[in-house]
C-alpha atoms as a PDB file:
ATOM      1  CA  MET A   1     -68.909  82.455 -91.585  1.00  0.00           C
ATOM      2  CA  ASP A   2     -66.573  85.394 -91.753  1.00  0.00           C
ATOM      3  CA  ASN A   3     -62.702  85.010 -92.595  1.00  0.00           C
ATOM      4  CA  GLU A   4     -61.767  85.166 -88.874  1.00  0.00           C
ATOM      5  CA  ASN A   5     -64.079  82.195 -88.090  1.00  0.00           C
ATOM      6  CA  VAL A   6     -62.807  80.229 -91.324  1.00  0.00           C
ATOM      7  CA  SER A   7     -59.174  80.716 -90.290  1.00  0.00           C
ATOM      8  CA  SER A   8     -59.931  79.752 -86.571  1.00  0.00           C
ATOM      9  CA  HIS A   9     -61.824  76.532 -87.868  1.00  0.00           C
ATOM     10  CA  ILE A  10     -58.817  75.714 -90.328  1.00  0.00           C
ATOM     11  CA  SER A  11     -56.321  76.292 -87.664  1.00  0.00           C
ATOM     12  CA  LYS A  12     -58.243  73.956 -85.102  1.00  0.00           C
ATOM     13  CA  ARG A  13     -58.600  71.263 -87.507  1.00  0.00           C
ATOM     14  CA  PHE A  14     -54.658  71.581 -88.272  1.00  0.00           C
ATOM     15  CA  ASN A  15     -53.844  71.369 -84.815  1.00  0.00           C
ATOM     16  CA  ASP A  16     -56.057  68.355 -84.308  1.00  0.00           C
ATOM     17  CA  ASP A  17     -54.230  66.721 -87.386  1.00  0.00           C
ATOM     18  CA  LEU A  18     -50.821  67.339 -85.639  1.00  0.00           C
ATOM     19  CA  GLN A  19     -52.224  65.966 -82.307  1.00  0.00           C
ATOM     20  CA  GLU A  20     -53.597  63.036 -84.000  1.00  0.00           C
ATOM     21  CA  LEU A  21     -50.046  62.380 -85.585  1.00  0.00           C
ATOM     22  CA  LYS A  22     -48.199  62.669 -82.321  1.00  0.00           C
ATOM     23  CA  ASN A  23     -50.880  60.186 -80.777  1.00  0.00           C
ATOM     24  CA  HIS A  24     -50.339  57.743 -83.445  1.00  0.00           C
ATOM     25  CA  LEU A  25     -46.467  57.892 -83.013  1.00  0.00           C
ATOM     26  CA  LEU A  26     -46.794  57.405 -79.307  1.00  0.00           C
ATOM     27  CA  MET A  27     -49.151  54.366 -79.965  1.00  0.00           C
ATOM     28  CA  MET A  28     -46.465  52.923 -82.365  1.00  0.00           C
ATOM     29  CA  GLY A  29     -44.029  53.530 -79.642  1.00  0.00           C
ATOM     30  CA  GLY A  30     -45.916  51.542 -77.108  1.00  0.00           C
ATOM     31  CA  VAL A  31     -46.133  48.509 -79.226  1.00  0.00           C
ATOM     32  CA  VAL A  32     -42.315  48.782 -80.034  1.00  0.00           C
ATOM     33  CA  GLU A  33     -41.438  49.295 -76.257  1.00  0.00           C
ATOM     34  CA  ARG A  34     -43.463  46.010 -75.410  1.00  0.00           C
ATOM     35  CA  GLN A  35     -41.589  44.168 -78.157  1.00  0.00           C
ATOM     36  CA  VAL A  36     -38.318  45.050 -76.824  1.00  0.00           C
ATOM     37  CA  THR A  37     -39.267  44.097 -73.078  1.00  0.00           C
ATOM     38  CA  ASP A  38     -40.597  40.683 -74.364  1.00  0.00           C
ATOM     39  CA  GLY A  39     -37.757  40.161 -76.599  1.00  0.00           C
ATOM     40  CA  VAL A  40     -35.289  40.643 -73.854  1.00  0.00           C
ATOM     41  CA  LEU A  41     -37.559  38.482 -71.442  1.00  0.00           C
ATOM     42  CA  SER A  42     -37.904  35.612 -73.964  1.00  0.00           C
ATOM     43  CA  LEU A  43     -34.155  35.270 -74.454  1.00  0.00           C
ATOM     44  CA  VAL A  44     -33.267  35.456 -70.676  1.00  0.00           C
ATOM     45  CA  ASP A  45     -36.134  33.134 -69.567  1.00  0.00           C
ATOM     46  CA  ALA A  46     -35.738  30.804 -72.812  1.00  0.00           C
ATOM     47  CA  ASN A  47     -39.418  31.333 -73.462  1.00  0.00           C
ATOM     48  CA  SER A  48     -39.888  30.637 -77.148  1.00  0.00           C
ATOM     49  CA  GLU A  49     -43.820  31.278 -76.943  1.00  0.00           C
ATOM     50  CA  LEU A  50     -43.276  34.902 -76.055  1.00  0.00           C
ATOM     51  CA  ALA A  51     -40.492  35.156 -78.800  1.00  0.00           C
ATOM     52  CA  LEU A  52     -43.004  34.080 -81.177  1.00  0.00           C
ATOM     53  CA  ASN A  53     -45.374  36.878 -79.883  1.00  0.00           C
ATOM     54  CA  VAL A  54     -42.713  39.390 -80.538  1.00  0.00           C
ATOM     55  CA  ARG A  55     -42.255  38.258 -84.031  1.00  0.00           C
ATOM     56  CA  SER A  56     -46.067  38.325 -84.610  1.00  0.00           C
ATOM     57  CA  ASN A  57     -46.154  41.921 -83.785  1.00  0.00           C
ATOM     58  CA  GLU A  58     -43.767  42.842 -86.466  1.00  0.00           C
ATOM     59  CA  LYS A  59     -46.546  43.400 -89.133  1.00  0.00           C
ATOM     60  CA  GLN A  60     -48.403  45.670 -86.698  1.00  0.00           C
ATOM     61  CA  VAL A  61     -45.387  47.919 -86.482  1.00  0.00           C
ATOM     62  CA  ASN A  62     -44.785  47.950 -90.029  1.00  0.00           C
ATOM     63  CA  THR A  63     -48.492  49.001 -90.606  1.00  0.00           C
ATOM     64  CA  PHE A  64     -48.200  51.818 -87.990  1.00  0.00           C
ATOM     65  CA  GLU A  65     -45.212  53.152 -89.960  1.00  0.00           C
ATOM     66  CA  LEU A  66     -46.805  53.007 -93.386  1.00  0.00           C
ATOM     67  CA  ASN A  67     -50.002  54.659 -92.087  1.00  0.00           C
ATOM     68  CA  ILE A  68     -48.300  57.551 -90.248  1.00  0.00           C
ATOM     69  CA  ASP A  69     -46.031  58.084 -92.994  1.00  0.00           C
ATOM     70  CA  GLU A  70     -49.246  58.559 -95.241  1.00  0.00           C
ATOM     71  CA  GLU A  71     -50.715  60.645 -92.714  1.00  0.00           C
ATOM     72  CA  CYS A  72     -47.555  63.102 -92.729  1.00  0.00           C
ATOM     73  CA  THR A  73     -47.564  63.077 -96.468  1.00  0.00           C
ATOM     74  CA  SER A  74     -51.089  64.239 -96.474  1.00  0.00           C
ATOM     75  CA  VAL A  75     -50.429  67.082 -93.974  1.00  0.00           C
ATOM     76  CA  LEU A  76     -47.568  68.181 -95.777  1.00  0.00           C
ATOM     77  CA  ALA A  77     -49.466  68.367 -99.091  1.00  0.00           C
ATOM     78  CA  LEU A  78     -52.698  69.871 -97.691  1.00  0.00           C
ATOM     79  CA  ARG A  79     -51.592  72.071 -94.785  1.00  0.00           C
ATOM     80  CA  GLN A  80     -48.128  73.235 -96.079  1.00  0.00           C
ATOM     81  CA  PRO A  81     -46.916  73.655 -92.497  1.00  0.00           C
ATOM     82  CA  ALA A  82     -44.028  76.023 -91.811  1.00  0.00           C
ATOM     83  CA  ALA A  83     -41.708  76.612 -88.813  1.00  0.00           C
ATOM     84  CA  GLY A  84     -42.515  74.764 -85.698  1.00  0.00           C
ATOM     85  CA  ASP A  85     -45.481  72.839 -87.216  1.00  0.00           C
ATOM     86  CA  LEU A  86     -43.160  71.744 -90.193  1.00  0.00           C
ATOM     87  CA  ARG A  87     -40.582  70.350 -87.596  1.00  0.00           C
ATOM     88  CA  MET A  88     -43.327  68.408 -85.890  1.00  0.00           C
ATOM     89  CA  VAL A  89     -44.196  66.487 -88.977  1.00  0.00           C
ATOM     90  CA  VAL A  90     -40.538  66.092 -89.939  1.00  0.00           C
ATOM     91  CA  ALA A  91     -39.597  64.945 -86.475  1.00  0.00           C
ATOM     92  CA  ILE A  92     -42.522  62.470 -86.515  1.00  0.00           C
ATOM     93  CA  LEU A  93     -41.458  61.052 -89.820  1.00  0.00           C
ATOM     94  CA  LYS A  94     -37.852  60.495 -88.435  1.00  0.00           C
ATOM     95  CA  ALA A  95     -38.878  58.989 -85.353  1.00  0.00           C
ATOM     96  CA  ILE A  96     -41.171  56.358 -86.746  1.00  0.00           C
ATOM     97  CA  THR A  97     -38.403  55.169 -88.978  1.00  0.00           C
ATOM     98  CA  ASP A  98     -36.366  54.691 -85.700  1.00  0.00           C
ATOM     99  CA  LEU A  99     -39.335  52.953 -84.010  1.00  0.00           C
ATOM    100  CA  GLU A 100     -39.588  50.508 -86.906  1.00  0.00           C
ATOM    101  CA  ARG A 101     -35.909  49.730 -86.792  1.00  0.00           C
ATOM    102  CA  ILE A 102     -36.121  49.312 -83.066  1.00  0.00           C
ATOM    103  CA  GLY A 103     -38.910  46.696 -83.753  1.00  0.00           C
ATOM    104  CA  ASP A 104     -36.706  44.986 -86.298  1.00  0.00           C
ATOM    105  CA  GLU A 105     -33.902  44.584 -83.592  1.00  0.00           C
ATOM    106  CA  ALA A 106     -36.416  43.191 -81.032  1.00  0.00           C
ATOM    107  CA  ASN A 107     -37.501  40.860 -83.710  1.00  0.00           C
ATOM    108  CA  LYS A 108     -33.872  39.731 -84.232  1.00  0.00           C
ATOM    109  CA  ILE A 109     -33.653  39.044 -80.409  1.00  0.00           C
ATOM    110  CA  ALA A 110     -36.784  37.055 -80.299  1.00  0.00           C
ATOM    111  CA  LYS A 111     -35.219  34.900 -83.213  1.00  0.00           C
ATOM    112  CA  LEU A 112     -32.084  34.440 -81.252  1.00  0.00           C
ATOM    113  CA  ALA A 113     -34.109  33.549 -78.239  1.00  0.00           C
ATOM    114  CA  ILE A 114     -35.910  30.713 -80.343  1.00  0.00           C
ATOM    115  CA  LYS A 115     -32.523  29.623 -81.538  1.00  0.00           C
ATOM    116  CA  LEU A 116     -31.164  29.318 -78.056  1.00  0.00           C
ATOM    117  CA  THR A 117     -34.083  27.393 -76.814  1.00  0.00           C
ATOM    118  CA  GLU A 118     -33.430  24.899 -79.672  1.00  0.00           C
ATOM    119  CA  GLU A 119     -29.703  24.696 -79.291  1.00  0.00           C
ATOM    120  CA  GLY A 120     -29.321  25.005 -75.583  1.00  0.00           C
ATOM    121  CA  GLN A 121     -28.636  28.016 -73.402  1.00  0.00           C
ATOM    122  CA  ALA A 122     -25.469  29.882 -73.558  1.00  0.00           C
ATOM    123  CA  PRO A 123     -23.095  29.445 -70.715  1.00  0.00           C
ATOM    124  CA  ARG A 124     -22.599  33.304 -70.355  1.00  0.00           C
ATOM    125  CA  GLY A 125     -23.960  36.683 -71.183  1.00  0.00           C
ATOM    126  CA  TYR A 126     -27.672  36.366 -69.730  1.00  0.00           C
ATOM    127  CA  VAL A 127     -26.796  38.849 -66.933  1.00  0.00           C
ATOM    128  CA  GLU A 128     -25.501  41.427 -69.494  1.00  0.00           C
ATOM    129  CA  VAL A 129     -28.451  40.994 -71.891  1.00  0.00           C
ATOM    130  CA  ARG A 130     -30.745  41.528 -68.996  1.00  0.00           C
ATOM    131  CA  HIS A 131     -29.030  44.654 -67.652  1.00  0.00           C
ATOM    132  CA  ILE A 132     -28.388  46.336 -71.077  1.00  0.00           C
ATOM    133  CA  GLY A 133     -31.865  45.421 -71.952  1.00  0.00           C
ATOM    134  CA  GLN A 134     -33.358  47.306 -68.789  1.00  0.00           C
ATOM    135  CA  GLN A 135     -31.075  50.416 -69.903  1.00  0.00           C
ATOM    136  CA  VAL A 136     -32.431  50.469 -73.446  1.00  0.00           C
ATOM    137  CA  GLN A 137     -36.118  49.790 -72.466  1.00  0.00           C
ATOM    138  CA  GLU A 138     -35.744  52.876 -69.870  1.00  0.00           C
ATOM    139  CA  MET A 139     -34.234  54.930 -72.883  1.00  0.00           C
ATOM    140  CA  ILE A 140     -37.046  54.203 -75.254  1.00  0.00           C
ATOM    141  CA  HIS A 141     -39.621  54.872 -72.436  1.00  0.00           C
ATOM    142  CA  LYS A 142     -38.069  58.281 -71.667  1.00  0.00           C
ATOM    143  CA  ALA A 143     -37.647  59.171 -75.347  1.00  0.00           C
ATOM    144  CA  LEU A 144     -41.364  58.635 -76.025  1.00  0.00           C
ATOM    145  CA  ASP A 145     -42.040  60.597 -72.828  1.00  0.00           C
ATOM    146  CA  ALA A 146     -39.878  63.432 -74.101  1.00  0.00           C
ATOM    147  CA  PHE A 147     -41.845  63.529 -77.272  1.00  0.00           C
ATOM    148  CA  ALA A 148     -45.147  63.467 -75.529  1.00  0.00           C
ATOM    149  CA  ARG A 149     -44.252  66.544 -73.222  1.00  0.00           C
ATOM    150  CA  PHE A 150     -41.742  68.237 -75.569  1.00  0.00           C
ATOM    151  CA  ASP A 151     -39.255  67.731 -72.830  1.00  0.00           C
ATOM    152  CA  VAL A 152     -35.743  68.752 -73.863  1.00  0.00           C
ATOM    153  CA  GLU A 153     -34.053  67.982 -70.659  1.00  0.00           C
ATOM    154  CA  LEU A 154     -35.462  64.435 -70.570  1.00  0.00           C
ATOM    155  CA  ALA A 155     -34.183  64.003 -74.211  1.00  0.00           C
ATOM    156  CA  LEU A 156     -30.815  65.127 -73.216  1.00  0.00           C
ATOM    157  CA  GLU A 157     -30.998  62.268 -70.328  1.00  0.00           C
ATOM    158  CA  VAL A 158     -31.598  59.705 -73.072  1.00  0.00           C
ATOM    159  CA  ALA A 159     -28.736  60.921 -75.148  1.00  0.00           C
ATOM    160  CA  GLN A 160     -26.461  60.561 -72.089  1.00  0.00           C
ATOM    161  CA  ALA A 161     -27.692  57.105 -71.327  1.00  0.00           C
ATOM    162  CA  ASP A 162     -26.627  56.026 -74.747  1.00  0.00           C
ATOM    163  CA  ARG A 163     -23.108  56.657 -73.889  1.00  0.00           C
ATOM    164  CA  ALA A 164     -23.418  54.423 -70.801  1.00  0.00           C
ATOM    165  CA  VAL A 165     -25.006  51.722 -72.795  1.00  0.00           C
ATOM    166  CA  ASP A 166     -21.896  51.823 -75.184  1.00  0.00           C
ATOM    167  CA  ILE A 167     -19.577  51.495 -72.566  1.00  0.00           C
ATOM    168  CA  GLU A 168     -21.266  48.536 -70.841  1.00  0.00           C
ATOM    169  CA  TYR A 169     -21.813  46.997 -74.301  1.00  0.00           C
ATOM    170  CA  ASN A 170     -18.059  47.053 -75.147  1.00  0.00           C
ATOM    171  CA  SER A 171     -17.139  45.680 -71.682  1.00  0.00           C
ATOM    172  CA  ALA A 172     -19.647  42.744 -72.428  1.00  0.00           C
ATOM    173  CA  MET A 173     -18.006  42.226 -75.762  1.00  0.00           C
ATOM    174  CA  ARG A 174     -14.485  41.679 -74.381  1.00  0.00           C
ATOM    175  CA  GLN A 175     -15.672  39.397 -71.703  1.00  0.00           C
ATOM    176  CA  LEU A 176     -17.746  37.261 -74.118  1.00  0.00           C
ATOM    177  CA  VAL A 177     -14.806  37.093 -76.702  1.00  0.00           C
ATOM    178  CA  THR A 178     -12.384  36.076 -74.020  1.00  0.00           C
ATOM    179  CA  TYR A 179     -14.652  33.465 -72.687  1.00  0.00           C
ATOM    180  CA  MET A 180     -15.303  31.951 -76.350  1.00  0.00           C
ATOM    181  CA  MET A 181     -11.368  31.900 -76.635  1.00  0.00           C
ATOM    182  CA  GLU A 182     -10.972  29.811 -73.460  1.00  0.00           C
ATOM    183  CA  ASP A 183     -13.829  27.461 -74.288  1.00  0.00           C
ATOM    184  CA  PRO A 184     -14.360  27.114 -78.160  1.00  0.00           C
ATOM    185  CA  ARG A 185     -17.231  24.634 -77.601  1.00  0.00           C
ATOM    186  CA  SER A 186     -19.244  27.491 -76.447  1.00  0.00           C
ATOM    187  CA  ILE A 187     -18.787  29.525 -79.480  1.00  0.00           C
ATOM    188  CA  SER A 188     -22.014  29.093 -81.464  1.00  0.00           C
ATOM    189  CA  ARG A 189     -24.149  29.707 -78.196  1.00  0.00           C
ATOM    190  CA  VAL A 190     -22.198  32.638 -77.137  1.00  0.00           C
ATOM    191  CA  LEU A 191     -22.405  34.232 -80.466  1.00  0.00           C
ATOM    192  CA  ASN A 192     -26.137  34.287 -80.209  1.00  0.00           C
ATOM    193  CA  ILE A 193     -25.857  36.286 -77.043  1.00  0.00           C
ATOM    194  CA  ILE A 194     -23.181  38.608 -78.724  1.00  0.00           C
ATOM    195  CA  TRP A 195     -25.600  39.297 -81.543  1.00  0.00           C
ATOM    196  CA  ALA A 196     -28.560  40.001 -79.137  1.00  0.00           C
ATOM    197  CA  LEU A 197     -26.325  42.505 -77.196  1.00  0.00           C
ATOM    198  CA  ARG A 198     -25.334  44.111 -80.511  1.00  0.00           C
ATOM    199  CA  ALA A 199     -29.324  44.387 -81.224  1.00  0.00           C
ATOM    200  CA  LEU A 200     -29.711  46.057 -77.959  1.00  0.00           C
ATOM    201  CA  GLU A 201     -26.804  48.428 -78.341  1.00  0.00           C
ATOM    202  CA  ARG A 202     -28.577  49.436 -81.787  1.00  0.00           C
ATOM    203  CA  ILE A 203     -31.991  49.940 -79.903  1.00  0.00           C
ATOM    204  CA  GLY A 204     -30.106  52.541 -77.718  1.00  0.00           C
ATOM    205  CA  ASP A 205     -28.948  54.283 -80.728  1.00  0.00           C
ATOM    206  CA  HIS A 206     -32.323  54.461 -82.102  1.00  0.00           C
ATOM    207  CA  ALA A 207     -33.650  55.751 -78.820  1.00  0.00           C
ATOM    208  CA  ARG A 208     -30.997  58.403 -78.819  1.00  0.00           C
ATOM    209  CA  ASN A 209     -32.140  59.455 -82.260  1.00  0.00           C
ATOM    210  CA  ILE A 210     -35.668  59.785 -81.184  1.00  0.00           C
ATOM    211  CA  ALA A 211     -34.490  62.087 -78.299  1.00  0.00           C
ATOM    212  CA  GLU A 212     -32.353  64.208 -81.011  1.00  0.00           C
ATOM    213  CA  HIS A 213     -35.562  64.355 -82.981  1.00  0.00           C
ATOM    214  CA  VAL A 214     -37.448  66.042 -79.829  1.00  0.00           C
ATOM    215  CA  ILE A 215     -34.580  68.538 -79.302  1.00  0.00           C
ATOM    216  CA  TYR A 216     -34.781  69.285 -83.138  1.00  0.00           C
ATOM    217  CA  LEU A 217     -38.659  69.751 -82.808  1.00  0.00           C
ATOM    218  CA  VAL A 218     -38.238  71.995 -79.658  1.00  0.00           C
ATOM    219  CA  LYS A 219     -35.250  73.910 -80.276  1.00  0.00           C
ATOM    220  CA  GLY A 220     -34.882  73.769 -84.161  1.00  0.00           C
ATOM    221  CA  GLN A 221     -31.333  72.513 -83.662  1.00  0.00           C
ATOM    222  CA  ASP A 222     -29.892  69.525 -85.527  1.00  0.00           C
ATOM    223  CA  ILE A 223     -27.557  67.913 -82.881  1.00  0.00           C
ATOM    224  CA  ARG A 224     -26.647  64.780 -84.795  1.00  0.00           C
ATOM    225  CA  HIS A 225     -23.002  63.898 -84.434  1.00  0.00           C
ATOM    226  CA  ALA A 226     -22.372  66.584 -81.983  1.00  0.00           C
ATOM    227  CA  ASN A 227     -20.484  66.164 -78.785  1.00  0.00           C
ATOM    228  CA  LEU A 228     -22.723  65.577 -75.866  1.00  0.00           C
ATOM    229  CA  ASP A 229     -21.180  68.120 -73.637  1.00  0.00           C
ATOM    230  CA  ALA A 230     -21.505  70.804 -76.379  1.00  0.00           C
ATOM    231  CA  ILE A 231     -25.249  69.676 -77.005  1.00  0.00           C
ATOM    232  CA  LYS A 232     -25.884  70.461 -73.143  1.00  0.00           C
ATOM    233  CA  GLU A 233     -24.276  73.672 -73.375  1.00  0.00           C
ATOM    234  CA  SER A 234     -25.928  74.842 -76.531  1.00  0.00           C
ATOM    235  CA  VAL A 235     -29.537  73.413 -75.927  1.00  0.00           C
ATOM    236  CA  LEU A 236     -29.950  74.314 -72.233  1.00  0.00           C
ATOM    237  CA  GLY A 237     -27.972  77.450 -72.593  1.00  0.00           C
ATOM    238  CA  SER A 238     -30.656  78.640 -75.045  1.00  0.00           C
ATOM    239  CA  ALA A 239     -33.454  77.533 -72.879  1.00  0.00           C
END
């Protein structure tokens, strides 16, 4: 085998390694996405069995993170990637951390669902949980889709959606705090809803992070902490 064929063979194996890393990330993302969906359903439907299923999947998510992290480390050590290939590995390493944390937040929601089934449902807050839950589920789905297709515009949609989630979350907090002040007997149960909403808001933050990793991967720009309008102008302007 001549040098050109050797190089081609090595290059193909490297591309296969990167594709496998991305596939494993998306598989992990699918499990986490289901955790969030089921976590929200378990709370709004008072379904403790579904909540227990969410909690049982936590080990699977943690195993995904450890295995993908090890695969990335191996690629870095053996392939010594540069430029876009290096950004791919770095973006995957960062994204799996966010996915694992999304799984942690879904697990918190499941714990709260179990607690509410034992203590009795809260008098308020389920509409907000359902609605914000749907918003962050869509954010996760779009962020993973953007990663799969290297779609910068879709990633920007996720970043923009996070702003809407934050606005709705803050509004829900004000309403629920006012309700607890008016009816102190409801405080313990409404607090469980508040913690669930807080978990959903954090899930939205992590989905936005994944979208930002996509932009870093495709454009080579670190847009963390940047103003959203400035991000749009910078990223789409350089398309």
